[in-house]
Amino acid sequence: MAKTSKTWHGIPREEIPWFPTVDNDTCIGCTLCYVSCGRAVYEMQDNKAVVENPYNCMVGCSTCATVCPVEAITFPGRELIWNIEREHKIFKIVRQEAKEKMVKAEISNARSEAQAYIAQLITHARMEVAGQFGEKRFLIKLKDLVDERPYDIVNLQLDVPTVQGLKENTPAILSFEVTSTQQEDIQEFLSEIRTLVKENDLILISENNL
């Protein structure tokens, strides 16, 4: 059930006689009003719609009367609401409510945009590089790339058949993880690593965001 308010723009709800009236003789018990109303205004009794909670009704709403197939539901004239608006001078209140609603909407939009941005951030990735590492000093170059920057290379693993094979430039596989030390996006830094791999005639086997 929708949350109901005890006031309508600052006016006590019970001071506003806006609610449906059901003609019991005309009502055919179709339950359309009972199902359509999200504020629990209606109950069904003896296969007839009964207005159980009249002040739950949203002021100005007449959807149930609109959908009633036999026109068994009526509401006061709209003049009632217009007179109340003038009598209570509600538009100053409404404008303030509108400002508050706009502020909430802006905050909600900003939060959604921030969440979307964070969801797109890449702060941790795993890379696998293959090739001949013996004379390329690739690890030293990788270290120089990281120095004094908010990134780090962790969990390095060099997979080679033998140390002698590494000296003889036997192809090997180097795997490592790239991470941001400040939880910032690392996509530009990953691009630098790809460039370093290419410049050293190595092959990037895989790159996966973690």
Protein backbone atom coordinates (compact mmCIF):
# COMPACT_ATOMS: atom_id res chain seq x y z
CA MET A 1 0.00 0.00 0.00
CA ALA A 2 1.27 3.49 -0.82
CA LYS A 3 2.31 5.66 2.11
CA THR A 4 -0.44 8.11 3.03
CA SER A 5 0.00 11.57 4.56
CA LYS A 6 -1.98 13.17 7.37
CA THR A 7 -1.67 16.55 5.65
CA TRP A 8 -2.00 17.89 2.13
CA HIS A 9 0.47 20.73 1.56
CA GLY A 10 0.24 21.63 5.24
CA ILE A 11 -3.55 21.29 5.50
CA PRO A 12 -4.81 18.53 7.83
CA ARG A 13 -6.16 15.84 5.54
CA GLU A 14 -9.41 15.44 7.49
CA GLU A 15 -10.26 19.07 6.75
CA ILE A 16 -10.49 18.24 3.04
CA PRO A 17 -13.66 16.31 2.17
CA TRP A 18 -12.24 14.75 -0.95
CA PHE A 19 -13.00 11.05 -1.19
CA PRO A 20 -15.20 8.75 -3.29
CA THR A 21 -18.82 7.89 -2.72
CA VAL A 22 -20.10 4.53 -3.98
CA ASP A 23 -23.69 4.02 -5.07
CA ASN A 24 -24.36 0.62 -3.54
CA ASP A 25 -27.27 -0.12 -5.86
CA THR A 26 -25.24 0.61 -8.99
CA CYS A 27 -22.02 -1.16 -7.90
CA ILE A 28 -21.64 -4.57 -9.58
CA GLY A 29 -18.74 -5.73 -7.42
CA CYS A 30 -16.23 -5.89 -10.26
CA THR A 31 -13.41 -5.04 -7.76
CA LEU A 32 -11.71 -2.74 -10.28
CA CYS A 33 -11.65 0.18 -7.84
CA TYR A 34 -10.44 -2.08 -5.02
CA VAL A 35 -7.56 -3.37 -7.15
CA SER A 36 -6.71 -0.05 -8.83
CA CYS A 37 -6.44 2.02 -5.66
CA GLY A 38 -2.97 1.86 -4.15
CA ARG A 39 -3.98 3.60 -0.92
CA ALA A 40 -6.37 1.02 0.55
CA VAL A 41 -9.35 3.35 0.34
CA TYR A 42 -11.66 0.46 -0.53
CA GLU A 43 -12.70 -2.85 0.97
CA MET A 44 -15.09 -5.39 -0.53
CA GLN A 45 -18.10 -6.36 1.53
CA ASP A 46 -20.92 -8.60 0.31
CA ASN A 47 -19.54 -8.25 -3.23
CA LYS A 48 -19.78 -4.47 -3.08
CA ALA A 49 -17.10 -1.79 -2.91
CA VAL A 50 -17.07 0.08 0.40
CA VAL A 51 -15.08 3.25 1.16
CA GLU A 52 -13.28 2.01 4.25
CA ASN A 53 -10.53 4.65 4.58
CA PRO A 54 -11.78 7.84 2.91
CA TYR A 55 -8.91 10.08 4.04
CA ASN A 56 -6.37 7.73 2.52
CA CYS A 57 -7.58 9.02 -0.85
CA MET A 58 -5.14 11.27 -2.69
CA VAL A 59 -6.62 14.75 -2.93
CA GLY A 60 -7.61 15.37 -6.54
CA CYS A 61 -7.38 11.72 -7.61
CA SER A 62 -10.47 10.21 -9.22
CA THR A 63 -8.98 7.26 -11.08
CA CYS A 64 -11.40 4.79 -9.54
CA ALA A 65 -14.37 6.79 -10.81
CA THR A 66 -12.79 7.00 -14.25
CA VAL A 67 -12.33 3.23 -14.55
CA CYS A 68 -15.63 2.21 -12.95
CA PRO A 69 -17.59 0.50 -15.76
CA VAL A 70 -21.02 1.44 -14.36
CA GLU A 71 -20.24 4.93 -13.01
CA ALA A 72 -21.04 3.88 -9.46
CA ILE A 73 -18.33 6.13 -7.98
CA THR A 74 -18.55 9.91 -7.66
CA PHE A 75 -16.35 12.63 -6.20
CA PRO A 76 -16.95 16.23 -5.12
CA GLY A 77 -16.53 18.85 -7.83
CA ARG A 78 -13.06 20.20 -8.53
CA GLU A 79 -14.25 23.57 -7.23
CA LEU A 80 -13.87 22.15 -3.72
CA ILE A 81 -10.13 21.77 -4.20
CA TRP A 82 -9.73 25.14 -5.93
CA ASN A 83 -11.52 26.86 -3.02
CA ILE A 84 -9.26 25.14 -0.51
CA GLU A 85 -6.18 26.19 -2.48
CA ARG A 86 -7.31 29.82 -2.38
CA GLU A 87 -8.49 29.75 1.22
CA HIS A 88 -5.27 28.28 2.58
CA LYS A 89 -2.99 30.10 0.14
CA ILE A 90 -1.05 26.92 -0.43
CA PHE A 91 1.04 28.02 -3.40
CA LYS A 92 3.78 29.51 -1.24
CA ILE A 93 4.02 26.13 0.50
CA VAL A 94 3.87 24.30 -2.82
CA ARG A 95 6.71 26.36 -4.28
CA GLN A 96 8.88 25.55 -1.27
CA GLU A 97 7.98 21.88 -1.60
CA ALA A 98 8.90 22.07 -5.28
CA LYS A 99 12.33 23.53 -4.45
CA GLU A 100 12.95 20.77 -1.91
CA LYS A 101 11.86 18.15 -4.43
CA MET A 102 14.20 19.60 -7.05
CA VAL A 103 17.11 19.57 -4.60
CA LYS A 104 16.40 15.93 -3.75
CA ALA A 105 16.21 15.10 -7.45
CA GLU A 106 19.55 16.83 -8.08
CA ILE A 107 21.16 14.93 -5.20
CA SER A 108 19.70 11.67 -6.46
CA ASN A 109 20.95 12.35 -10.00
CA ALA A 110 24.40 13.29 -8.71
CA ARG A 111 24.52 10.10 -6.65
CA SER A 112 23.47 8.03 -9.66
CA GLU A 113 26.11 9.67 -11.83
CA ALA A 114 28.77 9.08 -9.18
CA GLN A 115 27.77 5.44 -8.85
CA ALA A 116 27.85 5.03 -12.63
CA TYR A 117 31.31 6.62 -12.74
CA ILE A 118 32.62 4.38 -9.97
CA ALA A 119 31.18 1.33 -11.71
CA GLN A 120 33.23 2.19 -14.80
CA LEU A 121 36.49 2.69 -12.88
CA ILE A 122 39.19 0.10 -13.31
CA THR A 123 41.47 0.01 -10.28
CA HIS A 124 42.87 -3.50 -10.52
CA ALA A 125 43.80 -5.63 -13.52
CA ARG A 126 45.80 -8.75 -14.34
CA MET A 127 48.10 -9.00 -17.37
CA GLU A 128 50.02 -11.83 -18.99
CA VAL A 129 52.95 -11.09 -21.28
CA ALA A 130 54.92 -13.57 -23.34
CA GLY A 131 58.28 -13.30 -25.06
CA GLN A 132 62.02 -13.24 -24.51
CA PHE A 133 62.84 -11.42 -21.27
CA GLY A 134 66.54 -12.28 -20.91
CA GLU A 135 68.11 -9.10 -22.28
CA LYS A 136 65.19 -6.73 -22.39
CA ARG A 137 65.34 -5.56 -18.75
CA PHE A 138 61.56 -5.46 -18.90
CA LEU A 139 61.08 -5.75 -15.14
CA ILE A 140 63.39 -2.79 -14.54
CA LYS A 141 61.52 -0.74 -17.11
CA LEU A 142 58.24 -1.77 -15.47
CA LYS A 143 59.62 -0.64 -12.11
CA ASP A 144 60.68 2.71 -13.60
CA LEU A 145 57.18 3.14 -14.99
CA VAL A 146 55.71 2.76 -11.50
CA ASP A 147 58.22 4.86 -9.52
CA GLU A 148 56.71 7.83 -7.68
CA ARG A 149 53.28 7.23 -9.19
CA PRO A 150 50.04 6.06 -7.54
CA TYR A 151 50.30 2.57 -9.06
CA ASP A 152 51.91 -0.70 -8.13
CA ILE A 153 52.75 -4.01 -9.76
CA VAL A 154 52.00 -6.99 -7.54
CA ASN A 155 51.89 -10.78 -7.64
CA LEU A 156 54.54 -11.09 -10.34
CA GLN A 157 55.18 -14.58 -11.62
CA LEU A 158 57.72 -15.52 -14.29
CA ASP A 159 57.11 -18.88 -15.86
CA VAL A 160 60.20 -20.20 -17.68
CA PRO A 161 61.39 -23.74 -18.42
CA THR A 162 64.80 -23.16 -16.77
CA VAL A 163 67.00 -20.29 -15.62
CA GLN A 164 69.50 -21.29 -18.30
CA GLY A 165 66.69 -21.10 -20.81
CA LEU A 166 65.94 -17.55 -19.67
CA LYS A 167 69.57 -16.61 -20.26
CA GLU A 168 69.35 -18.10 -23.70
CA ASN A 169 66.27 -16.02 -24.49
CA THR A 170 63.84 -18.89 -24.36
CA PRO A 171 60.28 -17.53 -24.56
CA ALA A 172 58.66 -17.20 -21.14
CA ILE A 173 55.42 -15.92 -19.64
CA LEU A 174 55.29 -13.09 -17.12
CA SER A 175 52.04 -12.52 -15.23
CA PHE A 176 51.38 -9.65 -12.85
CA GLU A 177 48.63 -7.48 -11.43
CA VAL A 178 48.37 -3.73 -11.82
CA THR A 179 46.68 -1.82 -9.02
CA SER A 180 46.02 1.75 -7.96
CA THR A 181 47.41 2.71 -4.57
CA GLN A 182 44.77 5.45 -4.30
CA GLN A 183 41.75 3.61 -5.72
CA GLU A 184 41.87 5.68 -8.88
CA ASP A 185 41.31 4.63 -12.47
CA ILE A 186 44.29 2.82 -14.03
CA GLN A 187 43.17 2.69 -17.66
CA GLU A 188 45.71 5.27 -18.88
CA PHE A 189 48.47 3.47 -16.97
CA LEU A 190 47.44 0.15 -18.53
CA SER A 191 47.82 1.82 -21.90
CA GLU A 192 51.39 2.80 -20.97
CA ILE A 193 52.14 -0.81 -20.05
CA ARG A 194 50.74 -2.02 -23.37
CA THR A 195 53.03 0.45 -25.14
CA LEU A 196 56.01 -0.79 -23.10
CA VAL A 197 55.16 -4.38 -24.02
CA LYS A 198 54.96 -3.49 -27.71
CA GLU A 199 58.20 -1.47 -27.67
CA ASN A 200 60.03 -4.48 -26.24
CA ASP A 201 58.71 -6.86 -28.89
CA LEU A 202 56.70 -8.79 -26.31
CA ILE A 203 53.18 -10.19 -26.71
CA LEU A 204 50.27 -9.26 -24.46
CA ILE A 205 48.50 -12.60 -24.02
CA SER A 206 45.66 -11.45 -21.80
CA GLU A 207 44.35 -8.51 -19.80
CA ASN A 208 41.49 -8.89 -17.33
CA ASN A 209 39.92 -6.38 -14.97
CA LEU A 210 39.70 -7.61 -11.38
